[in-house]
Amino acid sequence: NYCVELSSSFSPIPKFDLCFCFSRPTPVIRWIKEGGELPANRTFFENFKKTLKIIDVSEADSGNYKCIARNILGSAHHVISVTVKAAPYWITAPRNLVLSPGEDGTLICRANGNPKPNISWLANGVPI
């Protein structure tokens, strides 16, 4: 499960509609991701490129996106910070363990998410 947070405001829709520029002559709008590329095959533009839409968002889409408006009289830009939040998911799910008396056993539980999940262990319902 993914959702997108834009500059501290939460929205479950991966759409950045924050590039509005009104001037004459009409500016050309361009979007870039600072320090990387716009997601390939998942990026679409709407509203004369004023809206950047990313489908199938992943944590790798987090970062700063810059909208640049340019015409013959100059340019302006705005940077939008995008944080992708993710519910906890298993990196390595715990597995059942069958042991004989006196044997040693190791249980491994690896999970990730954003924010990073807390992992706690219980034995017969009691925290250990």
Protein backbone atom coordinates (compact mmCIF):
# COMPACT_ATOMS: atom_id res chain seq x y z
CA ASN A 1 0.00 0.00 0.00
CA TYR A 2 1.45 3.30 -1.02
CA CYS A 3 0.37 6.90 -0.62
CA VAL A 4 2.08 10.17 -1.41
CA GLU A 5 2.85 13.07 0.87
CA LEU A 6 3.46 16.40 -0.85
CA SER A 7 5.31 18.99 1.22
CA SER A 8 3.72 17.80 4.47
CA SER A 9 0.19 17.57 3.07
CA PHE A 10 -1.15 14.02 2.67
CA SER A 11 -2.87 12.79 -0.48
CA PRO A 12 -3.50 9.21 -1.59
CA ILE A 13 -3.42 10.31 -5.25
CA PRO A 14 0.03 10.29 -6.92
CA LYS A 15 -0.58 13.54 -8.79
CA PHE A 16 1.45 16.73 -8.50
CA ASP A 17 -0.75 19.63 -9.55
CA LEU A 18 1.42 22.36 -8.17
CA CYS A 19 2.84 24.04 -11.24
CA PHE A 20 0.68 26.99 -12.15
CA CYS A 21 2.18 29.78 -14.15
CA PHE A 22 0.21 32.47 -15.91
CA SER A 23 2.07 34.81 -18.22
CA ARG A 24 2.31 36.04 -21.79
CA PRO A 25 3.75 34.66 -23.93
CA THR A 26 2.54 31.32 -22.58
CA PRO A 27 5.45 29.51 -20.93
CA VAL A 28 6.74 26.05 -21.74
CA ILE A 29 6.46 23.79 -18.68
CA ARG A 30 9.09 21.16 -17.86
CA TRP A 31 9.34 18.75 -14.94
CA ILE A 32 12.52 17.16 -13.55
CA LYS A 33 13.33 15.00 -10.55
CA GLU A 34 16.34 16.39 -8.73
CA GLY A 35 19.16 13.85 -8.60
CA GLY A 36 17.40 11.37 -10.85
CA GLU A 37 15.04 10.68 -13.70
CA LEU A 38 11.26 10.91 -13.86
CA PRO A 39 9.88 7.37 -13.47
CA ALA A 40 10.02 5.73 -16.91
CA ASN A 41 6.73 4.49 -18.40
CA ARG A 42 4.81 5.67 -15.31
CA THR A 43 4.88 9.44 -15.83
CA PHE A 44 2.09 11.33 -17.58
CA PHE A 45 1.34 15.00 -18.03
CA GLU A 46 -2.06 16.69 -17.94
CA ASN A 47 -3.42 20.21 -18.13
CA PHE A 48 -0.81 21.45 -20.66
CA LYS A 49 2.01 19.89 -18.55
CA LYS A 50 0.91 21.80 -15.43
CA THR A 51 0.10 18.46 -13.81
CA LEU A 52 2.61 15.64 -13.42
CA LYS A 53 0.98 12.26 -12.77
CA ILE A 54 2.92 9.18 -11.65
CA ILE A 55 1.17 5.83 -11.61
CA ASP A 56 2.09 2.74 -9.56
CA VAL A 57 4.08 4.84 -7.07
CA SER A 58 6.93 3.21 -5.15
CA GLU A 59 9.26 4.37 -2.38
CA ALA A 60 11.92 5.09 -5.04
CA ASP A 61 9.68 7.92 -6.31
CA SER A 62 10.36 9.96 -3.14
CA GLY A 63 12.44 13.06 -3.73
CA ASN A 64 12.30 16.64 -4.95
CA TYR A 65 10.46 17.37 -8.18
CA LYS A 66 11.03 20.68 -9.94
CA CYS A 67 8.52 22.38 -12.20
CA ILE A 68 10.12 24.92 -14.54
CA ALA A 69 8.15 27.49 -16.55
CA ARG A 70 10.08 29.30 -19.29
CA ASN A 71 9.26 31.80 -22.04
CA ILE A 72 11.28 34.39 -23.98
CA LEU A 73 11.08 36.80 -21.02
CA GLY A 74 12.60 34.46 -18.44
CA SER A 75 11.85 31.49 -16.23
CA ALA A 76 10.47 30.54 -12.85
CA HIS A 77 10.55 27.28 -10.95
CA HIS A 78 9.08 25.59 -7.91
CA VAL A 79 10.37 22.54 -6.02
CA ILE A 80 7.88 20.03 -4.61
CA SER A 81 9.07 17.59 -1.95
CA VAL A 82 7.49 14.14 -2.33
CA THR A 83 7.60 11.47 0.38
CA VAL A 84 6.11 8.07 -0.38
CA LYS A 85 4.73 6.35 2.71
CA ALA A 86 4.57 2.54 2.75
CA ALA A 87 2.81 0.17 5.12
CA PRO A 88 5.10 -2.44 6.69
CA TYR A 89 6.07 -5.31 4.41
CA TRP A 90 8.20 -8.40 4.83
CA ILE A 91 11.78 -8.52 3.64
CA THR A 92 12.16 -11.92 5.31
CA ALA A 93 9.01 -13.29 6.91
CA PRO A 94 9.39 -15.38 10.08
CA ARG A 95 9.22 -19.15 9.55
CA ASN A 96 8.01 -21.87 11.86
CA LEU A 97 10.75 -23.72 13.68
CA VAL A 98 10.66 -27.31 14.96
CA LEU A 99 13.36 -28.16 17.49
CA SER A 100 14.25 -31.02 19.77
CA PRO A 101 15.10 -30.40 23.44
CA GLY A 102 18.62 -29.00 23.77
CA GLU A 103 18.82 -27.70 20.19
CA ASP A 104 19.45 -24.06 19.36
CA GLY A 105 17.15 -22.17 17.04
CA THR A 106 17.15 -18.77 15.38
CA LEU A 107 14.05 -16.84 14.38
CA ILE A 108 14.51 -14.10 11.80
CA CYS A 109 12.04 -11.29 11.18
CA ARG A 110 12.97 -8.55 8.69
CA ALA A 111 10.44 -5.89 7.71
CA ASN A 112 10.57 -2.47 6.11
CA GLY A 113 8.23 0.43 5.43
CA ASN A 114 8.09 4.20 5.67
CA PRO A 115 8.12 5.11 8.44
CA LYS A 116 10.34 2.20 9.45
CA PRO A 117 8.25 -0.28 11.46
CA ASN A 118 9.03 -1.33 15.02
CA ILE A 119 9.55 -5.07 15.41
CA SER A 120 8.59 -6.71 18.67
CA TRP A 121 8.73 -10.35 19.75
CA LEU A 122 6.23 -12.20 21.92
CA ALA A 123 6.37 -15.72 23.36
CA ASN A 124 2.91 -17.14 24.10
CA GLY A 125 1.50 -13.59 23.95
CA VAL A 126 4.07 -12.15 26.37
CA PRO A 127 6.66 -9.59 25.18
CA ILE A 128 10.23 -10.89 25.33
